[in-house]
Amino acid sequence: MTMAKDIRILIVDDEASVRNVLSQVLEDDGFETTEAANGEEALEFLKKEPFSLVITDILMPGMTGIELLEKIKQLYPATQVIIITSHASLDTALTALRHGAYDYLFKPFEDLSLISAATARAIEKVRLVSENQKLLEELKGKNEELKKANKILKAFVSRDGLTGLFNHRHFQDLLAHEVARSIRYERIFSLLFIDLDYFKQYNDTHGHLEGDDLLRVLAVVLKKYLRKSDILARYGGEEFTIILPSTSKKNARVAAEKIRRFVEEYPFQGQETQPSGNVTVSIGVSSFPEDGSDAPSIINQADKAMYQAKNNGRNRVCLAGNGCDEEVEVTNP
């Protein structure tokens, strides 16, 4: 297993104070860090010795973070990159993800634990890539063994390859855990089932590559309204799920409506070809234990509510057992 001491991290930012904060946090986590004041200096470091992870600001004098990201992915494809941007620049974060960045951080850093968490996820990706590569090399020429190994690897990978969200299998595990936890501590939770409206029409019009980009961007947009405790997953195709721990159906309805409105108003590429002129979602809401005492029941009720939303004209929120007509007040986030 890759240890922290084996991981070298390159921090790139023209502000010394930002570099110092990142270095302090990551060195406290046991990592070895190197600092560069700009993209050109960063490339010089990369030419001399490999780095598992590069954390770079997106706006710097000279070479921008996006340009540095492109060069890193061209020259050192195994190196993972985390982009630093401002809270007001979600679009730049989306651009970075499209160019191959693994994750992004917002500055100023309001919660230093987010730096550690993002780094841990990126290092885990480095570890998985390394282990997969070693396994493929060891099993080269052994087709049957290679197939078995790939099945084992897929069984243990919890992330969706397209969006980076939790995948369907891991979602099922997490939901079962949430049911057990809620029973034990006598708590409630809610589940959102989200379906992208007219996705087939979008694919037919723009092609599957653009459709994949739409799903990736939608995943980032959905994250905007999540609390730290909420769990977002790609259920399959154009369907997403969100587990909302300790959340009543009423509050889940408010959260779902915020998401629905934000998606409707977000300037997705190619949205003008959609029937309403916007990319929209239909959302079904169910709650534990009101709508079921186990995971399959909660999923089934949320799924039914979501289809009710689609059958009632799409771009709306429906509640399991309550329909789509309930009014809800939503304040701007």
Protein backbone atom coordinates (compact mmCIF):
# COMPACT_ATOMS: atom_id res chain seq x y z
CA MET A 1 0.00 0.00 0.00
CA THR A 2 1.20 3.52 -0.80
CA MET A 3 2.27 5.30 2.39
CA ALA A 4 2.22 9.06 3.02
CA LYS A 5 6.01 9.15 3.19
CA ASP A 6 6.17 7.71 -0.34
CA ILE A 7 3.96 10.49 -1.75
CA ARG A 8 5.49 13.71 -3.04
CA ILE A 9 3.17 16.67 -3.58
CA LEU A 10 3.94 19.79 -5.63
CA ILE A 11 2.12 22.97 -4.55
CA VAL A 12 1.86 25.72 -7.18
CA ASP A 13 0.59 29.21 -6.31
CA ASP A 14 1.92 32.73 -6.77
CA GLU A 15 0.82 33.62 -3.22
CA ALA A 16 3.32 32.50 -0.61
CA SER A 17 0.66 32.55 2.11
CA VAL A 18 -1.48 30.01 0.21
CA ARG A 19 1.54 27.77 -0.38
CA ASN A 20 2.43 27.96 3.31
CA VAL A 21 -1.07 26.94 4.42
CA LEU A 22 -1.18 23.98 2.03
CA SER A 23 2.33 22.86 2.95
CA GLN A 24 1.60 23.03 6.67
CA VAL A 25 -1.61 21.01 6.39
CA LEU A 26 -0.12 18.35 4.13
CA GLU A 27 3.13 18.03 6.06
CA ASP A 28 1.09 17.60 9.24
CA ASP A 29 -0.63 14.75 7.37
CA GLY A 30 2.78 13.18 6.77
CA PHE A 31 3.36 14.13 3.12
CA GLU A 32 6.52 15.57 1.58
CA THR A 33 5.78 18.86 -0.22
CA THR A 34 7.60 21.08 -2.68
CA GLU A 35 6.53 24.64 -3.52
CA ALA A 36 6.57 26.47 -6.86
CA ALA A 37 5.56 30.10 -7.40
CA ASN A 38 4.33 29.65 -11.00
CA GLY A 39 3.62 27.13 -13.71
CA GLU A 40 7.00 27.43 -15.38
CA GLU A 41 8.82 26.67 -12.13
CA ALA A 42 6.49 23.75 -11.51
CA LEU A 43 7.36 22.17 -14.85
CA GLU A 44 11.06 22.45 -14.03
CA PHE A 45 10.48 20.54 -10.79
CA LEU A 46 8.46 17.91 -12.64
CA LYS A 47 11.25 17.39 -15.19
CA LYS A 48 13.73 16.64 -12.39
CA GLU A 49 11.65 14.19 -10.34
CA PRO A 50 8.15 12.69 -10.31
CA PHE A 51 5.27 13.92 -8.17
CA SER A 52 2.19 11.85 -7.34
CA LEU A 53 0.00 14.93 -6.92
CA VAL A 54 0.08 18.57 -8.03
CA ILE A 55 -2.13 21.16 -6.31
CA THR A 56 -2.21 24.33 -8.40
CA ASP A 57 -4.00 27.66 -8.41
CA ILE A 58 -5.97 28.34 -11.56
CA LEU A 59 -5.09 32.06 -11.88
CA MET A 60 -1.34 32.83 -11.91
CA PRO A 61 0.94 35.21 -13.78
CA GLY A 62 2.28 33.66 -16.96
CA MET A 63 1.11 30.08 -17.35
CA THR A 64 -2.41 29.54 -16.00
CA GLY A 65 -3.44 26.56 -13.92
CA ILE A 66 -5.42 25.14 -16.85
CA GLU A 67 -2.37 25.38 -19.12
CA LEU A 68 -0.22 23.70 -16.48
CA LEU A 69 -2.87 20.99 -16.06
CA GLU A 70 -2.85 20.29 -19.81
CA LYS A 71 0.95 19.99 -19.88
CA ILE A 72 1.00 17.70 -16.85
CA LYS A 73 -1.62 15.41 -18.37
CA GLN A 74 0.35 15.32 -21.62
CA LEU A 75 3.76 14.69 -20.06
CA TYR A 76 2.93 12.91 -16.79
CA PRO A 77 -0.50 11.23 -17.17
CA ALA A 78 -0.16 9.29 -13.90
CA THR A 79 0.13 12.51 -11.88
CA GLN A 80 -3.15 13.63 -10.32
CA VAL A 81 -4.03 17.34 -10.25
CA ILE A 82 -6.20 19.32 -7.83
CA ILE A 83 -7.18 22.83 -8.97
CA ILE A 84 -7.57 25.77 -6.56
CA THR A 85 -10.18 28.37 -7.50
CA SER A 86 -12.45 30.89 -5.82
CA HIS A 87 -16.02 30.29 -4.58
CA ALA A 88 -17.27 32.59 -7.35
CA SER A 89 -15.58 30.55 -10.09
CA LEU A 90 -17.51 27.28 -10.30
CA ASP A 91 -17.28 27.43 -14.09
CA THR A 92 -13.47 27.38 -13.94
CA ALA A 93 -13.62 24.33 -11.70
CA LEU A 94 -15.84 22.60 -14.27
CA THR A 95 -13.41 23.54 -17.04
CA ALA A 96 -10.55 22.05 -15.02
CA LEU A 97 -12.46 18.79 -14.53
CA ARG A 98 -13.07 18.60 -18.26
CA HIS A 99 -9.33 18.96 -18.86
CA GLY A 100 -8.49 16.08 -16.57
CA ALA A 101 -8.25 17.55 -13.05
CA TYR A 102 -9.14 15.03 -10.36
CA ASP A 103 -10.76 17.49 -7.94
CA TYR A 104 -10.89 21.15 -6.92
CA LEU A 105 -10.60 23.30 -3.79
CA PHE A 106 -12.10 26.70 -3.08
CA LYS A 107 -10.07 29.49 -1.51
CA PRO A 108 -9.93 31.16 0.90
CA PHE A 109 -9.80 27.85 2.81
CA GLU A 110 -12.67 28.00 5.31
CA ASP A 111 -12.16 24.43 6.52
CA LEU A 112 -8.61 23.05 6.38
CA SER A 113 -9.92 19.50 6.72
CA LEU A 114 -11.24 19.79 3.15
CA ILE A 115 -7.62 20.05 1.96
CA SER A 116 -6.74 16.80 3.71
CA ALA A 117 -9.89 15.09 2.44
CA ALA A 118 -9.35 16.09 -1.21
CA THR A 119 -5.70 15.04 -1.00
CA ALA A 120 -6.61 11.68 0.52
CA ARG A 121 -9.05 10.99 -2.32
CA ALA A 122 -6.46 11.92 -4.96
CA ILE A 123 -3.78 9.77 -3.31
CA GLU A 124 -6.22 6.87 -3.19
CA LYS A 125 -6.69 7.34 -6.95
CA VAL A 126 -2.90 7.27 -7.39
CA ARG A 127 -2.74 4.06 -5.35
CA LEU A 128 -5.52 2.40 -7.34
CA VAL A 129 -3.96 3.36 -10.68
CA SER A 130 -0.58 2.06 -9.54
CA GLU A 131 -1.99 -1.21 -8.24
CA ASN A 132 -4.08 -1.72 -11.36
CA GLN A 133 -1.05 -1.14 -13.57
CA LYS A 134 1.06 -3.62 -11.60
CA LEU A 135 -1.70 -6.17 -11.75
CA LEU A 136 -2.11 -5.76 -15.51
CA GLU A 137 1.63 -6.22 -16.02
CA GLU A 138 1.71 -9.35 -13.86
CA LEU A 139 -1.24 -10.90 -15.63
CA LYS A 140 -0.23 -9.98 -19.18
CA GLY A 141 -0.83 -12.90 -21.49
CA LYS A 142 -3.03 -14.71 -18.96
CA ASN A 143 -6.43 -13.82 -20.33
CA GLU A 144 -8.56 -15.89 -18.02
CA GLU A 145 -6.71 -14.70 -14.92
CA LEU A 146 -6.89 -11.14 -16.18
CA LYS A 147 -10.68 -11.35 -16.56
CA LYS A 148 -11.01 -12.65 -13.00
CA ALA A 149 -8.74 -9.89 -11.69
CA ASN A 150 -10.75 -7.20 -13.50
CA LYS A 151 -13.95 -8.52 -11.94
CA ILE A 152 -12.34 -8.39 -8.50
CA LEU A 153 -11.08 -4.85 -9.10
CA LYS A 154 -14.46 -3.64 -10.30
CA ALA A 155 -16.12 -5.16 -7.26
CA PHE A 156 -13.94 -3.09 -4.97
CA VAL A 157 -13.98 0.20 -6.83
CA SER A 158 -16.68 2.42 -5.35
CA ARG A 159 -16.55 5.30 -7.83
CA ASP A 160 -18.39 5.80 -11.09
CA GLY A 161 -15.85 6.08 -13.90
CA LEU A 162 -17.64 8.89 -15.74
CA THR A 163 -18.69 11.29 -12.99
CA GLY A 164 -16.41 10.34 -10.10
CA LEU A 165 -19.44 9.96 -7.85
CA PHE A 166 -20.20 6.87 -5.79
CA ASN A 167 -21.44 4.12 -8.09
CA HIS A 168 -24.63 2.06 -7.87
CA ARG A 169 -23.06 -0.79 -5.91
CA HIS A 170 -21.54 1.47 -3.30
CA PHE A 171 -24.76 3.47 -3.04
CA GLN A 172 -26.63 0.29 -2.13
CA ASP A 173 -24.09 -0.42 0.62
CA LEU A 174 -24.32 3.13 1.95
CA LEU A 175 -28.11 3.12 1.93
CA ALA A 176 -28.24 -0.18 3.80
CA HIS A 177 -25.84 1.28 6.36
CA GLU A 178 -28.00 4.41 6.71
CA VAL A 179 -31.10 2.28 7.31
CA ALA A 180 -29.30 0.26 9.99
CA ARG A 181 -27.93 3.42 11.63
CA SER A 182 -31.34 5.11 11.60
CA ILE A 183 -33.00 2.07 13.17
CA ARG A 184 -30.35 1.83 15.87
CA TYR A 185 -30.47 5.51 16.82
CA GLU A 186 -34.17 6.04 16.00
CA ARG A 187 -33.45 8.67 13.37
CA ILE A 188 -35.03 9.62 10.09
CA PHE A 189 -33.52 10.21 6.67
CA SER A 190 -34.72 11.00 3.16
CA LEU A 191 -33.77 9.86 -0.31
CA LEU A 192 -33.90 11.85 -3.57
CA PHE A 193 -34.15 10.12 -6.94
CA ILE A 194 -33.09 12.52 -9.70
CA ASP A 195 -33.59 11.87 -13.41
CA LEU A 196 -32.28 14.07 -16.22
CA ASP A 197 -35.23 15.04 -18.43
CA TYR A 198 -35.10 14.29 -22.18
CA PHE A 199 -31.53 12.97 -21.96
CA LYS A 200 -32.03 10.73 -24.99
CA GLN A 201 -33.00 13.76 -27.06
CA TYR A 202 -29.86 15.58 -25.85
CA ASN A 203 -27.72 12.60 -26.86
CA ASP A 204 -29.43 12.26 -30.24
CA THR A 205 -28.87 15.96 -30.94
CA HIS A 206 -25.33 16.47 -29.61
CA GLY A 207 -23.82 12.99 -29.56
CA HIS A 208 -22.82 10.68 -26.72
CA LEU A 209 -19.57 12.47 -25.93
CA GLU A 210 -21.42 15.71 -25.26
CA GLY A 211 -23.99 13.68 -23.33
CA ASP A 212 -21.20 12.33 -21.12
CA ASP A 213 -19.96 15.89 -20.56
CA LEU A 214 -23.47 16.93 -19.52
CA LEU A 215 -23.60 14.14 -16.92
CA ARG A 216 -20.19 15.14 -15.55
CA VAL A 217 -21.19 18.79 -15.25
CA LEU A 218 -24.53 17.87 -13.70
CA ALA A 219 -22.68 15.84 -11.06
CA VAL A 220 -20.67 18.92 -10.09
CA VAL A 221 -23.81 21.10 -10.06
CA LEU A 222 -25.63 18.66 -7.77
CA LYS A 223 -22.72 18.74 -5.32
CA LYS A 224 -23.30 22.46 -4.80
CA TYR A 225 -26.32 21.88 -2.56
CA LEU A 226 -24.95 19.02 -0.51
CA ARG A 227 -24.08 19.12 3.17
CA LYS A 228 -20.98 17.27 4.30
CA SER A 229 -23.18 14.45 5.59
CA ASP A 230 -25.19 14.05 2.36
CA ILE A 231 -24.29 11.24 -0.04
CA LEU A 232 -24.51 11.73 -3.82
CA ALA A 233 -24.27 8.77 -6.19
CA ARG A 234 -24.86 7.96 -9.83
CA TYR A 235 -27.57 5.32 -9.79
CA GLY A 236 -27.20 4.50 -13.47
CA GLY A 237 -27.61 6.13 -16.88
CA GLU A 238 -28.97 9.63 -16.30
CA GLU A 239 -30.26 8.87 -12.79
CA PHE A 240 -28.67 10.17 -9.60
CA THR A 241 -29.50 9.62 -5.94
CA ILE A 242 -28.88 11.67 -2.80
CA ILE A 243 -29.15 10.30 0.74
CA LEU A 244 -30.07 13.06 3.20
CA PRO A 245 -29.35 11.84 6.76
CA SER A 246 -31.49 13.16 9.63
CA THR A 247 -33.76 14.96 7.15
CA SER A 248 -37.57 14.97 7.17
CA LYS A 249 -39.59 14.63 3.98
CA LYS A 250 -40.63 18.28 4.29
CA ASN A 251 -37.04 19.49 4.45
CA ALA A 252 -36.02 17.05 1.72
CA ARG A 253 -38.76 18.59 -0.46
CA VAL A 254 -37.22 22.03 0.06
CA ALA A 255 -33.74 20.70 -0.77
CA ALA A 256 -35.05 18.95 -3.89
CA GLU A 257 -36.81 22.10 -5.07
CA LYS A 258 -33.60 24.12 -4.66
CA ILE A 259 -31.75 21.56 -6.75
CA ARG A 260 -34.48 21.50 -9.41
CA ARG A 261 -34.48 25.29 -9.75
CA PHE A 262 -30.69 25.57 -9.79
CA VAL A 263 -30.40 22.94 -12.54
CA GLU A 264 -33.13 24.67 -14.57
CA GLU A 265 -31.31 28.01 -14.31
CA TYR A 266 -27.77 26.71 -14.85
CA PRO A 267 -26.31 27.54 -18.31
CA PHE A 268 -25.57 24.03 -19.56
CA GLN A 269 -23.94 23.77 -22.97
CA GLY A 270 -26.45 22.84 -25.68
CA GLN A 271 -29.49 23.41 -23.47
CA GLU A 272 -31.24 25.48 -26.13
CA THR A 273 -32.05 22.28 -28.07
CA GLN A 274 -34.04 20.81 -25.18
CA PRO A 275 -37.87 20.99 -25.33
CA SER A 276 -38.08 23.72 -22.67
CA GLY A 277 -34.89 25.47 -23.75
CA ASN A 278 -33.25 24.35 -20.50
CA VAL A 279 -31.71 21.23 -19.04
CA THR A 280 -34.10 20.07 -16.29
CA VAL A 281 -34.53 17.23 -13.82
CA SER A 282 -37.44 15.36 -12.29
CA ILE A 283 -37.06 14.43 -8.62
CA GLY A 284 -38.80 11.88 -6.42
CA VAL A 285 -38.58 12.05 -2.61
CA SER A 286 -39.09 9.29 -0.05
CA SER A 287 -38.33 9.14 3.67
CA PHE A 288 -37.47 6.56 6.31
CA PRO A 289 -39.40 5.18 8.11
CA GLU A 290 -42.48 6.94 6.70
CA ASP A 291 -42.24 5.28 3.28
CA GLY A 292 -40.64 1.98 4.20
CA SER A 293 -38.63 0.11 6.80
CA ASP A 294 -35.85 -1.15 4.53
CA ALA A 295 -33.64 0.04 1.68
CA PRO A 296 -35.58 -1.58 -1.21
CA SER A 297 -38.84 0.01 -0.01
CA ILE A 298 -37.29 3.47 0.28
CA ILE A 299 -35.74 3.15 -3.20
CA ASN A 300 -39.00 1.90 -4.70
CA GLN A 301 -41.03 4.76 -3.25
CA ALA A 302 -38.54 7.43 -4.37
CA ASP A 303 -38.41 5.85 -7.84
CA LYS A 304 -42.21 5.84 -8.11
CA ALA A 305 -42.37 9.48 -7.04
CA MET A 306 -39.74 10.37 -9.62
CA TYR A 307 -41.74 8.69 -12.41
CA GLN A 308 -44.82 10.49 -11.17
CA ALA A 309 -42.90 13.75 -11.60
CA LYS A 310 -42.01 12.78 -15.16
CA ASN A 311 -45.59 11.74 -15.96
CA ASN A 312 -46.87 15.07 -14.59
CA GLY A 313 -44.82 17.10 -17.07
CA ARG A 314 -41.21 16.72 -15.87
CA ASN A 315 -39.09 19.44 -14.24
CA ARG A 316 -40.84 19.02 -10.90
CA VAL A 317 -40.57 17.40 -7.48
CA CYS A 318 -42.97 14.71 -6.27
CA LEU A 319 -43.23 13.16 -2.81
CA ALA A 320 -43.90 9.49 -2.14
CA GLY A 321 -47.48 9.27 -0.94
CA ASN A 322 -48.11 13.03 -1.34
CA GLY A 323 -47.95 13.67 -5.08
CA CYS A 324 -46.66 16.74 -6.87
CA ASP A 325 -49.09 19.46 -5.84
CA GLU A 326 -47.66 20.51 -2.48
CA GLU A 327 -46.43 24.11 -2.48
CA VAL A 328 -43.04 24.85 -0.96
CA GLU A 329 -41.28 28.08 -0.13
CA VAL A 330 -37.69 28.20 -1.26
CA THR A 331 -35.35 31.06 -0.40
CA ASN A 332 -32.34 31.84 -2.55
CA PRO A 333 -29.20 30.01 -1.39
